[in-house]
Amino acid sequence: MIMRGKEKWREVIEAQKQSDLTIKKYCNDNHICISSFYKQKTLILEEENTFLPVIIDKSNDVIDFDIDHHISCSKQNLKILLENLL
């Protein structure tokens, strides 16, 4: 098992973002445990108190936001998704 410090995990997470590979593919290619990747990513995001940028275009029925990739969702579908999560 390879032990990584917080800064090394930040580098790994940033490298995955820049790679345009899915997390699963990136982790498999780099011999990284996927569950460890997600755990460390969650811990780093919580520590940074990161906010999710959201753009609401009132001229149409779409909400855009970025997580690791750009996502567009209709307001109605987002409402359904959030209701099911809560």
C-alpha atoms as a PDB file:
ATOM      1  CA  MET A   1       0.000   0.000   0.000  1.00  0.00           C
ATOM      2  CA  ILE A   2       1.353   3.426  -0.955  1.00  0.00           C
ATOM      3  CA  MET A   3       0.889   6.159   1.628  1.00  0.00           C
ATOM      4  CA  ARG A   4       0.362   9.670   0.288  1.00  0.00           C
ATOM      5  CA  GLY A   5       0.330  12.950   2.166  1.00  0.00           C
ATOM      6  CA  LYS A   6      -2.317  15.621   1.726  1.00  0.00           C
ATOM      7  CA  GLU A   7      -0.276  17.599  -0.806  1.00  0.00           C
ATOM      8  CA  LYS A   8       0.453  14.493  -2.854  1.00  0.00           C
ATOM      9  CA  TRP A   9      -3.280  13.678  -2.912  1.00  0.00           C
ATOM     10  CA  ARG A  10      -3.992  17.223  -4.116  1.00  0.00           C
ATOM     11  CA  GLU A  11      -1.525  16.635  -6.961  1.00  0.00           C
ATOM     12  CA  VAL A  12      -3.112  13.270  -7.803  1.00  0.00           C
ATOM     13  CA  ILE A  13      -6.627  14.754  -7.826  1.00  0.00           C
ATOM     14  CA  GLU A  14      -5.532  17.690  -9.990  1.00  0.00           C
ATOM     15  CA  ALA A  15      -3.670  15.360 -12.365  1.00  0.00           C
ATOM     16  CA  GLN A  16      -6.828  13.283 -12.789  1.00  0.00           C
ATOM     17  CA  LYS A  17      -8.851  16.413 -13.617  1.00  0.00           C
ATOM     18  CA  GLN A  18      -6.275  17.499 -16.190  1.00  0.00           C
ATOM     19  CA  SER A  19      -6.076  14.031 -17.736  1.00  0.00           C
ATOM     20  CA  ASP A  20      -9.651  14.060 -19.102  1.00  0.00           C
ATOM     21  CA  LEU A  21      -9.881  10.429 -17.961  1.00  0.00           C
ATOM     22  CA  THR A  22     -12.657   9.150 -15.750  1.00  0.00           C
ATOM     23  CA  ILE A  23     -11.663   8.651 -12.129  1.00  0.00           C
ATOM     24  CA  LYS A  24     -11.963   4.890 -12.587  1.00  0.00           C
ATOM     25  CA  LYS A  25      -9.694   4.852 -15.662  1.00  0.00           C
ATOM     26  CA  TYR A  26      -7.175   7.250 -14.103  1.00  0.00           C
ATOM     27  CA  CYS A  27      -6.991   5.218 -10.900  1.00  0.00           C
ATOM     28  CA  ASN A  28      -6.668   1.935 -12.778  1.00  0.00           C
ATOM     29  CA  ASP A  29      -3.926   3.316 -15.040  1.00  0.00           C
ATOM     30  CA  ASN A  30      -2.019   4.737 -12.046  1.00  0.00           C
ATOM     31  CA  HIS A  31      -2.574   1.855  -9.611  1.00  0.00           C
ATOM     32  CA  ILE A  32      -4.596   3.986  -7.191  1.00  0.00           C
ATOM     33  CA  CYS A  33      -7.365   2.533  -5.039  1.00  0.00           C
ATOM     34  CA  ILE A  34     -10.590   4.166  -6.272  1.00  0.00           C
ATOM     35  CA  SER A  35     -12.169   4.257  -2.818  1.00  0.00           C
ATOM     36  CA  SER A  36      -9.053   5.975  -1.422  1.00  0.00           C
ATOM     37  CA  PHE A  37      -9.181   8.520  -4.243  1.00  0.00           C
ATOM     38  CA  TYR A  38     -12.809   9.394  -3.477  1.00  0.00           C
ATOM     39  CA  LYS A  39     -12.183   9.484   0.279  1.00  0.00           C
ATOM     40  CA  GLN A  40      -9.204  11.828  -0.066  1.00  0.00           C
ATOM     41  CA  LYS A  41     -11.006  14.006  -2.603  1.00  0.00           C
ATOM     42  CA  THR A  42     -13.947  14.355  -0.206  1.00  0.00           C
ATOM     43  CA  LEU A  43     -11.665  15.218   2.722  1.00  0.00           C
ATOM     44  CA  ILE A  44      -9.800  17.839   0.699  1.00  0.00           C
ATOM     45  CA  LEU A  45     -13.016  19.421  -0.603  1.00  0.00           C
ATOM     46  CA  GLU A  46     -14.486  19.544   2.904  1.00  0.00           C
ATOM     47  CA  GLU A  47     -11.306  21.121   4.220  1.00  0.00           C
ATOM     48  CA  GLU A  48     -11.292  23.741   1.477  1.00  0.00           C
ATOM     49  CA  ASN A  49     -14.998  24.462   2.040  1.00  0.00           C
ATOM     50  CA  THR A  50     -15.418  24.542  -1.724  1.00  0.00           C
ATOM     51  CA  PHE A  51     -18.550  26.064  -3.201  1.00  0.00           C
ATOM     52  CA  LEU A  52     -20.129  24.768  -6.371  1.00  0.00           C
ATOM     53  CA  PRO A  53     -20.472  27.469  -9.034  1.00  0.00           C
ATOM     54  CA  VAL A  54     -23.974  27.500 -10.500  1.00  0.00           C
ATOM     55  CA  ILE A  55     -25.179  29.524 -13.456  1.00  0.00           C
ATOM     56  CA  ILE A  56     -28.916  30.002 -13.844  1.00  0.00           C
ATOM     57  CA  ASP A  57     -29.964  31.338 -17.211  1.00  0.00           C
ATOM     58  CA  LYS A  58     -33.427  32.812 -16.777  1.00  0.00           C
ATOM     59  CA  SER A  59     -33.948  32.910 -20.541  1.00  0.00           C
ATOM     60  CA  ASN A  60     -34.256  29.121 -20.678  1.00  0.00           C
ATOM     61  CA  ASP A  61     -34.999  26.158 -18.475  1.00  0.00           C
ATOM     62  CA  VAL A  62     -31.403  24.971 -17.930  1.00  0.00           C
ATOM     63  CA  ILE A  63     -29.044  25.152 -14.976  1.00  0.00           C
ATOM     64  CA  ASP A  64     -25.309  24.753 -15.611  1.00  0.00           C
ATOM     65  CA  PHE A  65     -22.727  23.774 -13.017  1.00  0.00           C
ATOM     66  CA  ASP A  66     -19.223  22.362 -12.881  1.00  0.00           C
ATOM     67  CA  ILE A  67     -18.030  19.603 -10.603  1.00  0.00           C
ATOM     68  CA  ASP A  68     -15.213  17.896 -12.449  1.00  0.00           C
ATOM     69  CA  HIS A  69     -16.947  18.298 -15.767  1.00  0.00           C
ATOM     70  CA  HIS A  70     -19.546  20.683 -17.103  1.00  0.00           C
ATOM     71  CA  ILE A  71     -23.107  19.513 -16.433  1.00  0.00           C
ATOM     72  CA  SER A  72     -26.359  20.947 -17.769  1.00  0.00           C
ATOM     73  CA  CYS A  73     -29.688  19.942 -16.354  1.00  0.00           C
ATOM     74  CA  SER A  74     -33.217  21.174 -16.840  1.00  0.00           C
ATOM     75  CA  LYS A  75     -34.651  22.909 -13.811  1.00  0.00           C
ATOM     76  CA  GLN A  76     -37.417  20.306 -13.585  1.00  0.00           C
ATOM     77  CA  ASN A  77     -35.000  17.356 -13.661  1.00  0.00           C
ATOM     78  CA  LEU A  78     -32.729  19.028 -11.109  1.00  0.00           C
ATOM     79  CA  LYS A  79     -35.730  19.561  -8.830  1.00  0.00           C
ATOM     80  CA  ILE A  80     -36.646  15.868  -9.115  1.00  0.00           C
ATOM     81  CA  LEU A  81     -33.051  14.817  -8.456  1.00  0.00           C
ATOM     82  CA  LEU A  82     -32.734  17.027  -5.382  1.00  0.00           C
ATOM     83  CA  GLU A  83     -36.094  15.892  -4.002  1.00  0.00           C
ATOM     84  CA  ASN A  84     -34.974  12.279  -4.288  1.00  0.00           C
ATOM     85  CA  LEU A  85     -31.660  13.004  -2.583  1.00  0.00           C
ATOM     86  CA  LEU A  86     -33.232  14.725   0.404  1.00  0.00           C
END
